């Protein structure tokens, strides 16, 4: 049985300078409103990737869109789904239970205040409590803003179908050279 593998963004810690441009690009890409100047912002930015800085390493960490996604399996309300070779969260269906956060081996999921309209009766809508939902990288629909924005090209969008095809071509070319060399030696 063959299926297309999920795509993901790969970070190169040797190139990352920790500038956080990837986080800003991600947060801006997922806003519902346009930002003209930072001075006019009256809301927080919520990136879907997180820069990690330790004495040894600096690089962003984000969802790997696992093939056997523990977050998807842990969601009690099926708000996490596999869709077009990526793992996505349906914020409208999320209940903020944190099961996915505990299940993710990369720490790539965060709770954010929802921008979704509340559904339910009038009493539910009038509650003052902010609704929180799980949030993570959604690959921006296949053109990740973080990859485009990185000034050091430390991030790479990996389309597994294209990657696998390219590796097979490279292997075929290498094996062809080996075969030709072998035939000359045996010849």
N, C-alpha and C. Protein backbone atom coordinates (compact mmCIF):
# COMPACT_ATOMS: atom_id res chain seq x y z
N UNK A 1 0.84 -1.18 0.00
CA UNK A 1 0.00 0.00 0.00
C UNK A 1 0.89 1.24 0.00
N UNK A 2 0.64 2.15 -0.91
CA UNK A 2 1.42 3.37 -1.01
C UNK A 2 0.52 4.58 -0.84
N UNK A 3 1.03 5.57 -0.18
CA UNK A 3 0.27 6.81 -0.03
C UNK A 3 1.26 7.96 -0.01
N UNK A 4 0.76 9.15 -0.27
CA UNK A 4 1.62 10.31 -0.22
C UNK A 4 1.95 10.64 1.23
N UNK A 5 3.22 10.88 1.50
CA UNK A 5 3.65 11.22 2.84
C UNK A 5 3.39 12.70 3.11
N UNK A 6 3.21 13.04 4.38
CA UNK A 6 2.94 14.43 4.74
C UNK A 6 4.17 15.30 4.53
N UNK A 7 3.94 16.52 4.12
CA UNK A 7 5.00 17.50 3.96
C UNK A 7 5.29 18.14 5.31
N UNK A 8 6.41 18.85 5.42
CA UNK A 8 6.77 19.54 6.65
C UNK A 8 7.86 20.56 6.36
N UNK A 9 8.19 21.38 7.36
CA UNK A 9 9.26 22.36 7.23
C UNK A 9 10.45 21.85 8.04
N UNK A 10 11.61 21.85 7.40
CA UNK A 10 12.84 21.38 8.02
C UNK A 10 13.71 22.58 8.34
N UNK A 11 14.21 22.65 9.58
CA UNK A 11 15.07 23.76 10.00
C UNK A 11 16.52 23.30 10.08
N UNK A 12 17.41 24.16 9.60
CA UNK A 12 18.86 23.88 9.65
C UNK A 12 19.46 24.75 10.75
N UNK A 13 19.82 24.13 11.87
CA UNK A 13 20.35 24.88 13.01
C UNK A 13 21.69 25.54 12.70
N UNK A 14 22.41 25.06 11.70
CA UNK A 14 23.70 25.66 11.35
C UNK A 14 23.52 27.00 10.64
N UNK A 15 22.35 27.20 10.02
CA UNK A 15 22.08 28.46 9.32
C UNK A 15 21.28 29.45 10.16
N UNK A 16 20.49 28.96 11.11
CA UNK A 16 19.59 29.83 11.90
C UNK A 16 20.40 30.78 12.77
N UNK A 17 20.02 32.07 12.73
CA UNK A 17 20.68 33.09 13.55
C UNK A 17 19.78 33.56 14.69
N UNK A 18 18.60 32.98 14.82
CA UNK A 18 17.71 33.31 15.93
C UNK A 18 17.06 34.67 15.82
N UNK A 19 16.84 35.17 14.63
CA UNK A 19 16.30 36.53 14.43
C UNK A 19 14.79 36.62 14.67
N UNK A 20 14.11 35.52 14.71
CA UNK A 20 12.66 35.44 14.93
C UNK A 20 11.80 35.97 13.77
N UNK A 21 12.39 36.21 12.63
CA UNK A 21 11.62 36.64 11.47
C UNK A 21 10.60 35.56 11.10
N UNK A 22 10.96 34.30 11.27
CA UNK A 22 10.04 33.20 10.95
C UNK A 22 8.79 33.26 11.82
N UNK A 23 8.97 33.57 13.11
CA UNK A 23 7.81 33.65 14.02
C UNK A 23 6.89 34.81 13.62
N UNK A 24 7.47 35.95 13.31
CA UNK A 24 6.66 37.11 12.92
C UNK A 24 5.94 36.83 11.61
N UNK A 25 6.65 36.27 10.63
CA UNK A 25 6.02 35.96 9.34
C UNK A 25 4.87 34.99 9.51
N UNK A 26 5.06 34.00 10.37
CA UNK A 26 4.01 33.01 10.64
C UNK A 26 2.79 33.68 11.27
N UNK A 27 3.03 34.48 12.30
CA UNK A 27 1.93 35.13 13.00
C UNK A 27 1.16 36.06 12.07
N UNK A 28 1.87 36.83 11.28
CA UNK A 28 1.21 37.77 10.35
C UNK A 28 0.42 37.01 9.29
N UNK A 29 0.96 35.89 8.82
CA UNK A 29 0.28 35.09 7.79
C UNK A 29 -1.05 34.53 8.28
N UNK A 30 -1.20 34.40 9.59
CA UNK A 30 -2.43 33.83 10.14
C UNK A 30 -3.35 34.86 10.76
N UNK A 31 -3.10 36.14 10.54
CA UNK A 31 -3.98 37.19 11.06
C UNK A 31 -5.19 37.36 10.16
N UNK A 32 -6.27 37.77 10.76
CA UNK A 32 -7.47 38.07 9.99
C UNK A 32 -7.49 39.52 9.53
N UNK A 33 -6.62 40.34 10.14
CA UNK A 33 -6.59 41.76 9.81
C UNK A 33 -5.22 42.12 9.24
N UNK A 34 -5.19 43.24 8.53
CA UNK A 34 -3.94 43.71 7.96
C UNK A 34 -3.22 44.61 8.97
N UNK A 35 -1.91 44.45 9.07
CA UNK A 35 -1.12 45.30 9.96
C UNK A 35 -0.45 46.38 9.11
N UNK A 36 -0.74 47.63 9.46
CA UNK A 36 -0.09 48.72 8.73
C UNK A 36 1.13 49.22 9.49
N UNK A 37 1.00 49.35 10.81
CA UNK A 37 2.15 49.69 11.65
C UNK A 37 2.00 48.94 12.96
N UNK A 38 3.11 48.67 13.61
CA UNK A 38 3.08 47.95 14.87
C UNK A 38 2.39 48.79 15.94
N UNK A 39 2.49 50.12 15.85
CA UNK A 39 1.88 51.02 16.82
C UNK A 39 0.37 50.92 16.86
N UNK A 40 -0.25 50.45 15.82
CA UNK A 40 -1.72 50.35 15.79
C UNK A 40 -2.24 48.99 16.21
N UNK A 41 -1.35 48.09 16.58
CA UNK A 41 -1.80 46.75 16.95
C UNK A 41 -2.42 46.76 18.34
N UNK A 42 -3.59 46.16 18.47
CA UNK A 42 -4.22 46.01 19.78
C UNK A 42 -4.53 44.55 20.07
N UNK A 43 -3.67 43.69 19.54
CA UNK A 43 -3.84 42.25 19.73
C UNK A 43 -2.45 41.62 19.75
N UNK A 44 -2.40 40.38 20.23
CA UNK A 44 -1.11 39.69 20.29
C UNK A 44 -0.87 38.89 19.02
N UNK A 45 0.40 38.69 18.72
CA UNK A 45 0.77 37.84 17.59
C UNK A 45 0.94 36.42 18.10
N UNK A 46 0.39 35.46 17.38
CA UNK A 46 0.46 34.05 17.78
C UNK A 46 1.12 33.24 16.68
N UNK A 47 2.45 33.09 16.76
CA UNK A 47 3.10 32.26 15.75
C UNK A 47 2.75 30.79 15.96
N UNK A 48 2.94 30.02 14.93
CA UNK A 48 2.67 28.58 14.99
C UNK A 48 3.96 27.77 14.91
N UNK A 49 5.08 28.46 15.12
CA UNK A 49 6.38 27.81 15.29
C UNK A 49 7.08 28.58 16.40
N UNK A 50 8.05 27.94 17.04
CA UNK A 50 8.63 28.52 18.25
C UNK A 50 10.15 28.41 18.19
N UNK A 51 10.80 29.57 18.27
CA UNK A 51 12.25 29.57 18.24
C UNK A 51 12.79 29.04 19.57
N UNK A 52 13.71 28.12 19.48
CA UNK A 52 14.35 27.54 20.67
C UNK A 52 15.80 27.99 20.67
N UNK A 53 16.22 28.59 21.78
CA UNK A 53 17.61 29.01 21.93
C UNK A 53 18.16 28.35 23.18
N UNK A 54 19.21 27.58 23.01
CA UNK A 54 19.93 26.99 24.13
C UNK A 54 21.40 27.38 23.95
N UNK A 55 22.25 27.11 24.91
CA UNK A 55 23.67 27.41 24.70
C UNK A 55 24.27 26.66 23.51
N UNK A 56 23.68 25.54 23.15
CA UNK A 56 24.22 24.73 22.07
C UNK A 56 23.57 24.94 20.71
N UNK A 57 22.31 25.35 20.69
CA UNK A 57 21.58 25.34 19.42
C UNK A 57 20.53 26.46 19.38
N UNK A 58 20.28 26.96 18.17
CA UNK A 58 19.21 27.92 17.93
C UNK A 58 18.49 27.49 16.66
N UNK A 59 17.20 27.26 16.78
CA UNK A 59 16.40 26.89 15.61
C UNK A 59 14.92 26.89 15.95
N UNK A 60 14.07 27.16 14.96
CA UNK A 60 12.64 27.07 15.21
C UNK A 60 12.17 25.62 15.26
N UNK A 61 11.17 25.38 16.08
CA UNK A 61 10.55 24.05 16.18
C UNK A 61 9.09 24.22 15.80
N UNK A 62 8.63 23.33 14.97
CA UNK A 62 7.23 23.38 14.55
C UNK A 62 6.74 21.98 14.23
N UNK A 63 5.47 21.89 13.97
CA UNK A 63 4.84 20.60 13.70
C UNK A 63 5.54 19.87 12.55
N UNK A 64 5.76 18.59 12.73
CA UNK A 64 6.37 17.76 11.68
C UNK A 64 5.32 17.03 10.85
N UNK A 65 4.07 17.25 11.15
CA UNK A 65 2.97 16.62 10.41
C UNK A 65 3.21 15.12 10.32
N UNK A 66 3.39 14.51 11.47
CA UNK A 66 3.71 13.08 11.61
C UNK A 66 2.73 12.19 10.84
N UNK A 67 3.25 11.14 10.28
CA UNK A 67 2.40 10.18 9.56
C UNK A 67 1.47 9.44 10.53
N UNK A 68 1.99 9.14 11.70
CA UNK A 68 1.21 8.44 12.72
C UNK A 68 1.00 9.43 13.87
N UNK A 69 0.37 10.56 13.58
CA UNK A 69 0.32 11.72 14.46
C UNK A 69 -0.29 11.43 15.83
N UNK A 70 0.54 11.53 16.89
CA UNK A 70 0.01 11.31 18.25
C UNK A 70 -1.05 12.36 18.63
N UNK A 71 -0.92 13.57 18.13
CA UNK A 71 -1.90 14.62 18.46
C UNK A 71 -3.27 14.24 17.90
N UNK A 72 -3.27 13.75 16.67
CA UNK A 72 -4.52 13.35 16.03
C UNK A 72 -5.19 12.22 16.81
N UNK A 73 -4.36 11.26 17.21
CA UNK A 73 -4.89 10.11 17.94
C UNK A 73 -5.39 10.48 19.33
N UNK A 74 -4.81 11.53 19.93
CA UNK A 74 -5.17 11.89 21.30
C UNK A 74 -6.39 12.80 21.39
N UNK A 75 -6.79 13.39 20.28
CA UNK A 75 -7.90 14.36 20.31
C UNK A 75 -9.24 13.64 20.58
N UNK A 76 -9.88 13.96 21.71
CA UNK A 76 -11.11 13.25 22.05
C UNK A 76 -12.33 13.71 21.24
N UNK A 77 -12.22 14.85 20.54
CA UNK A 77 -13.37 15.36 19.79
C UNK A 77 -13.12 15.40 18.28
N UNK A 78 -12.05 14.73 17.83
CA UNK A 78 -11.70 14.64 16.40
C UNK A 78 -11.56 16.02 15.74
N UNK A 79 -10.98 16.97 16.49
CA UNK A 79 -10.75 18.31 15.93
C UNK A 79 -9.44 18.37 15.16
N UNK A 80 -8.62 17.33 15.24
CA UNK A 80 -7.37 17.27 14.49
C UNK A 80 -7.54 16.23 13.40
N UNK A 81 -7.19 16.66 12.17
CA UNK A 81 -7.44 15.80 11.02
C UNK A 81 -6.25 15.80 10.07
N UNK A 82 -6.14 14.77 9.26
CA UNK A 82 -5.17 14.75 8.18
C UNK A 82 -5.89 15.25 6.94
N UNK A 83 -5.27 16.24 6.28
CA UNK A 83 -5.94 16.88 5.16
C UNK A 83 -4.88 17.34 4.14
N UNK A 84 -4.95 16.88 2.94
CA UNK A 84 -4.02 17.28 1.88
C UNK A 84 -2.56 17.15 2.31
N UNK A 85 -2.17 16.01 2.79
CA UNK A 85 -0.80 15.70 3.21
C UNK A 85 -0.29 16.59 4.34
N UNK A 86 -1.15 16.96 5.26
CA UNK A 86 -0.74 17.71 6.44
C UNK A 86 -1.74 17.45 7.56
N UNK A 87 -1.31 17.73 8.79
CA UNK A 87 -2.16 17.55 9.96
C UNK A 87 -2.68 18.93 10.35
N UNK A 88 -3.98 19.11 10.43
CA UNK A 88 -4.57 20.42 10.72
C UNK A 88 -5.52 20.33 11.92
N UNK A 89 -5.67 21.48 12.59
CA UNK A 89 -6.59 21.58 13.72
C UNK A 89 -7.80 22.39 13.30
N UNK A 90 -8.96 21.85 13.53
CA UNK A 90 -10.21 22.58 13.30
C UNK A 90 -10.50 23.34 14.59
N UNK A 91 -10.12 24.63 14.61
CA UNK A 91 -10.26 25.42 15.83
C UNK A 91 -11.70 25.50 16.31
N UNK A 92 -12.65 25.46 15.39
CA UNK A 92 -14.06 25.54 15.78
C UNK A 92 -14.49 24.30 16.56
N UNK A 93 -13.82 23.18 16.32
CA UNK A 93 -14.18 21.95 17.00
C UNK A 93 -13.35 21.67 18.25
N UNK A 94 -12.25 22.42 18.44
CA UNK A 94 -11.34 22.19 19.57
C UNK A 94 -11.99 22.63 20.88
N UNK A 95 -11.79 21.83 21.92
CA UNK A 95 -12.33 22.17 23.24
C UNK A 95 -11.23 22.62 24.20
N UNK A 96 -10.00 22.73 23.72
CA UNK A 96 -8.90 23.21 24.56
C UNK A 96 -8.52 22.28 25.68
N UNK A 97 -8.62 20.98 25.47
CA UNK A 97 -8.38 20.00 26.55
C UNK A 97 -6.90 19.73 26.80
N UNK A 98 -6.01 20.14 25.88
CA UNK A 98 -4.56 19.99 26.00
C UNK A 98 -4.05 18.57 25.75
N UNK A 99 -4.89 17.66 25.36
CA UNK A 99 -4.44 16.28 25.08
C UNK A 99 -3.39 16.27 23.98
N UNK A 100 -3.60 17.07 22.94
CA UNK A 100 -2.65 17.12 21.83
C UNK A 100 -1.31 17.70 22.27
N UNK A 101 -1.34 18.67 23.16
CA UNK A 101 -0.09 19.27 23.67
C UNK A 101 0.72 18.21 24.39
N UNK A 102 0.08 17.42 25.20
CA UNK A 102 0.78 16.37 25.94
C UNK A 102 1.28 15.26 25.02
N UNK A 103 0.56 15.00 23.93
CA UNK A 103 0.93 13.91 23.03
C UNK A 103 2.05 14.28 22.04
N UNK A 104 2.18 15.55 21.70
CA UNK A 104 3.15 15.98 20.69
C UNK A 104 4.58 15.81 21.21
N UNK A 105 5.41 15.01 20.53
CA UNK A 105 6.79 14.80 20.99
C UNK A 105 7.70 15.99 20.72
N UNK A 106 7.26 16.98 19.95
CA UNK A 106 8.10 18.13 19.60
C UNK A 106 7.72 19.41 20.35
N UNK A 107 6.64 19.40 21.10
CA UNK A 107 6.19 20.62 21.78
C UNK A 107 5.73 21.67 20.78
N UNK A 108 5.18 21.24 19.68
CA UNK A 108 4.84 22.14 18.58
C UNK A 108 3.42 22.69 18.64
N UNK A 109 2.67 22.34 19.68
CA UNK A 109 1.27 22.80 19.78
C UNK A 109 1.15 23.73 20.97
N UNK A 110 0.37 24.79 20.79
CA UNK A 110 0.17 25.79 21.84
C UNK A 110 -1.31 26.10 21.93
N UNK A 111 -1.75 26.57 23.10
CA UNK A 111 -3.12 27.07 23.21
C UNK A 111 -3.11 28.56 22.96
N UNK A 112 -4.07 29.04 22.16
CA UNK A 112 -4.20 30.47 21.88
C UNK A 112 -5.64 30.89 22.11
N UNK A 113 -5.86 32.18 22.29
CA UNK A 113 -7.22 32.69 22.40
C UNK A 113 -7.85 32.63 21.02
N UNK A 114 -9.01 32.04 20.95
CA UNK A 114 -9.69 31.82 19.67
C UNK A 114 -10.25 33.11 19.11
N UNK A 115 -10.16 33.21 17.79
CA UNK A 115 -10.80 34.32 17.09
C UNK A 115 -12.13 33.88 16.49
N UNK A 116 -12.49 32.62 16.71
CA UNK A 116 -13.72 32.08 16.16
C UNK A 116 -14.93 32.69 16.87
N UNK A 117 -15.99 32.88 16.14
CA UNK A 117 -17.25 33.30 16.74
C UNK A 117 -17.77 32.17 17.61
N UNK A 118 -18.25 32.53 18.77
CA UNK A 118 -18.83 31.50 19.64
C UNK A 118 -20.13 30.98 19.04
N UNK A 119 -20.31 29.70 19.17
CA UNK A 119 -21.58 29.11 18.77
C UNK A 119 -22.28 28.69 20.04
N UNK A 120 -23.54 28.50 19.97
CA UNK A 120 -24.30 28.10 21.15
C UNK A 120 -25.37 29.13 21.45
N UNK A 121 -25.95 29.03 22.60
CA UNK A 121 -27.04 29.94 22.93
C UNK A 121 -26.49 31.29 23.40
N UNK A 122 -27.38 32.22 23.60
CA UNK A 122 -27.01 33.58 23.99
C UNK A 122 -26.19 33.61 25.27
N UNK A 123 -26.51 32.76 26.21
CA UNK A 123 -25.78 32.71 27.48
C UNK A 123 -24.32 32.31 27.26
N UNK A 124 -24.09 31.36 26.36
CA UNK A 124 -22.72 30.94 26.05
C UNK A 124 -21.93 32.10 25.44
N UNK A 125 -22.57 32.84 24.54
CA UNK A 125 -21.87 33.93 23.85
C UNK A 125 -21.56 35.10 24.77
N UNK A 126 -22.33 35.26 25.84
CA UNK A 126 -22.15 36.40 26.72
C UNK A 126 -21.13 36.16 27.82
N UNK A 127 -20.65 34.94 27.96
CA UNK A 127 -19.63 34.69 28.97
C UNK A 127 -18.39 35.52 28.67
N UNK A 128 -17.75 36.01 29.72
CA UNK A 128 -16.56 36.84 29.54
C UNK A 128 -15.30 36.04 29.33
N UNK A 129 -15.34 34.76 29.63
CA UNK A 129 -14.12 33.95 29.54
C UNK A 129 -13.66 33.83 28.09
N UNK A 130 -12.38 34.09 27.86
CA UNK A 130 -11.88 33.87 26.50
C UNK A 130 -11.82 32.37 26.21
N UNK A 131 -12.13 32.01 24.99
CA UNK A 131 -12.08 30.60 24.60
C UNK A 131 -10.69 30.31 24.04
N UNK A 132 -10.06 29.27 24.55
CA UNK A 132 -8.74 28.91 24.05
C UNK A 132 -8.84 27.62 23.24
N UNK A 133 -8.01 27.56 22.20
CA UNK A 133 -8.00 26.40 21.32
C UNK A 133 -6.57 26.04 20.99
N UNK A 134 -6.36 24.83 20.55
CA UNK A 134 -5.03 24.39 20.14
C UNK A 134 -4.65 25.03 18.81
N UNK A 135 -3.36 25.30 18.67
CA UNK A 135 -2.86 25.93 17.45
C UNK A 135 -1.50 25.35 17.12
N UNK A 136 -1.24 25.14 15.85
CA UNK A 136 0.05 24.62 15.40
C UNK A 136 0.25 24.95 13.93
N UNK A 137 1.42 24.66 13.42
CA UNK A 137 1.75 24.91 12.01
C UNK A 137 0.75 24.19 11.11
N UNK A 138 0.26 24.93 10.11
CA UNK A 138 -0.64 24.32 9.12
C UNK A 138 -0.02 24.36 7.72
N UNK A 139 1.26 24.71 7.65
CA UNK A 139 2.02 24.81 6.39
C UNK A 139 1.47 25.89 5.46
N UNK A 140 0.67 26.79 5.99
CA UNK A 140 0.14 27.91 5.20
C UNK A 140 -0.45 27.42 3.87
N UNK A 141 -1.06 26.28 3.88
CA UNK A 141 -1.68 25.75 2.66
C UNK A 141 -0.68 25.26 1.62
N UNK A 142 0.57 25.07 2.00
CA UNK A 142 1.57 24.56 1.06
C UNK A 142 2.64 25.56 0.67
N UNK A 143 2.55 26.78 1.15
CA UNK A 143 3.56 27.81 0.88
C UNK A 143 3.88 28.51 2.19
N UNK A 144 4.65 27.86 3.08
CA UNK A 144 4.89 28.41 4.41
C UNK A 144 5.55 29.79 4.41
N UNK A 145 4.92 30.73 5.12
CA UNK A 145 5.43 32.10 5.21
C UNK A 145 6.80 32.14 5.88
N UNK A 146 7.04 31.25 6.83
CA UNK A 146 8.33 31.23 7.54
C UNK A 146 9.48 30.92 6.58
N UNK A 147 9.26 30.01 5.66
CA UNK A 147 10.31 29.64 4.70
C UNK A 147 10.64 30.82 3.80
N UNK A 148 9.59 31.51 3.33
CA UNK A 148 9.80 32.66 2.44
C UNK A 148 10.54 33.79 3.15
N UNK A 149 10.26 33.97 4.45
CA UNK A 149 10.78 35.12 5.18
C UNK A 149 12.20 34.92 5.72
N UNK A 150 12.64 33.71 5.90
CA UNK A 150 13.93 33.45 6.55
C UNK A 150 15.08 34.09 5.76
N UNK A 151 15.82 35.03 6.38
CA UNK A 151 16.89 35.70 5.65
C UNK A 151 18.12 34.82 5.40
N UNK A 152 18.23 33.72 6.11
CA UNK A 152 19.40 32.83 5.96
C UNK A 152 19.06 31.52 5.26
N UNK A 153 17.84 31.40 4.78
CA UNK A 153 17.39 30.16 4.12
C UNK A 153 17.63 28.94 5.01
N UNK A 154 17.35 29.13 6.29
CA UNK A 154 17.53 28.04 7.26
C UNK A 154 16.32 27.12 7.29
N UNK A 155 15.24 27.53 6.67
CA UNK A 155 14.03 26.72 6.65
C UNK A 155 13.77 26.22 5.24
N UNK A 156 13.35 24.98 5.14
CA UNK A 156 13.08 24.38 3.84
C UNK A 156 11.75 23.64 3.90
N UNK A 157 10.86 23.91 2.95
CA UNK A 157 9.60 23.17 2.84
C UNK A 157 9.92 21.85 2.15
N UNK A 158 9.59 20.76 2.81
CA UNK A 158 9.90 19.44 2.27
C UNK A 158 8.60 18.80 1.79
N UNK A 159 8.46 18.71 0.48
CA UNK A 159 7.35 18.00 -0.14
C UNK A 159 7.86 16.57 -0.36
N UNK A 160 7.36 15.65 0.42
CA UNK A 160 7.90 14.29 0.42
C UNK A 160 7.77 13.60 -0.92
N UNK A 161 6.76 13.91 -1.70
CA UNK A 161 6.61 13.29 -3.02
C UNK A 161 7.75 13.75 -3.92
N UNK A 162 7.99 15.05 -3.96
CA UNK A 162 9.08 15.58 -4.78
C UNK A 162 10.45 15.12 -4.26
N UNK A 163 10.61 15.12 -2.94
CA UNK A 163 11.88 14.71 -2.33
C UNK A 163 12.20 13.25 -2.67
N UNK A 164 11.21 12.41 -2.54
CA UNK A 164 11.42 10.99 -2.83
C UNK A 164 11.76 10.78 -4.31
N UNK A 165 11.06 11.48 -5.19
CA UNK A 165 11.33 11.36 -6.63
C UNK A 165 12.75 11.82 -6.95
N UNK A 166 13.17 12.96 -6.37
CA UNK A 166 14.51 13.47 -6.62
C UNK A 166 15.58 12.50 -6.11
N UNK A 167 15.36 11.93 -4.94
CA UNK A 167 16.34 10.97 -4.40
C UNK A 167 16.44 9.72 -5.26
N UNK A 168 15.34 9.29 -5.80
CA UNK A 168 15.36 8.10 -6.67
C UNK A 168 16.12 8.40 -7.96
N UNK A 169 15.93 9.61 -8.49
CA UNK A 169 16.67 9.99 -9.71
C UNK A 169 18.17 10.03 -9.42
N UNK A 170 18.54 10.63 -8.28
CA UNK A 170 19.96 10.69 -7.91
C UNK A 170 20.53 9.29 -7.72
N UNK A 171 19.76 8.42 -7.09
CA UNK A 171 20.23 7.04 -6.88
C UNK A 171 20.39 6.31 -8.21
N UNK A 172 19.45 6.53 -9.11
CA UNK A 172 19.53 5.88 -10.43
C UNK A 172 20.77 6.37 -11.18
N UNK A 173 21.03 7.67 -11.11
CA UNK A 173 22.22 8.21 -11.78
C UNK A 173 23.50 7.62 -11.19
N UNK A 174 23.57 7.52 -9.86
CA UNK A 174 24.76 6.94 -9.22
C UNK A 174 24.91 5.47 -9.58
N UNK A 175 23.80 4.74 -9.54
CA UNK A 175 23.87 3.30 -9.86
C UNK A 175 24.23 3.08 -11.32
N UNK A 176 23.78 3.96 -12.20
CA UNK A 176 24.12 3.84 -13.61
C UNK A 176 25.62 3.99 -13.79
N UNK A 177 26.21 4.97 -13.09
CA UNK A 177 27.67 5.16 -13.16
C UNK A 177 28.39 3.94 -12.62
N UNK A 178 27.91 3.42 -11.52
CA UNK A 178 28.51 2.22 -10.93
C UNK A 178 28.42 1.03 -11.89
N UNK A 179 27.24 0.88 -12.51
CA UNK A 179 27.02 -0.22 -13.45
C UNK A 179 27.99 -0.10 -14.63
N UNK A 180 28.11 1.11 -15.18
CA UNK A 180 29.01 1.31 -16.32
C UNK A 180 30.46 1.02 -15.92
N UNK A 181 30.87 1.48 -14.74
CA UNK A 181 32.23 1.24 -14.25
C UNK A 181 32.46 -0.25 -14.03
N UNK A 182 31.46 -0.92 -13.47
CA UNK A 182 31.55 -2.36 -13.23
C UNK A 182 31.70 -3.13 -14.54
N UNK A 183 30.90 -2.73 -15.55
CA UNK A 183 30.93 -3.42 -16.84
C UNK A 183 32.27 -3.24 -17.52
N UNK A 184 32.88 -2.04 -17.37
CA UNK A 184 34.19 -1.80 -17.98
C UNK A 184 35.23 -2.69 -17.29
N UNK A 185 35.17 -2.78 -15.94
CA UNK A 185 36.12 -3.61 -15.19
C UNK A 185 35.99 -5.08 -15.56
N UNK A 186 34.74 -5.52 -15.67
CA UNK A 186 34.49 -6.94 -15.97
C UNK A 186 34.73 -7.26 -17.44
N UNK A 187 34.64 -6.22 -18.27
CA UNK A 187 34.58 -6.28 -19.64
C UNK A 187 35.41 -6.95 -20.54
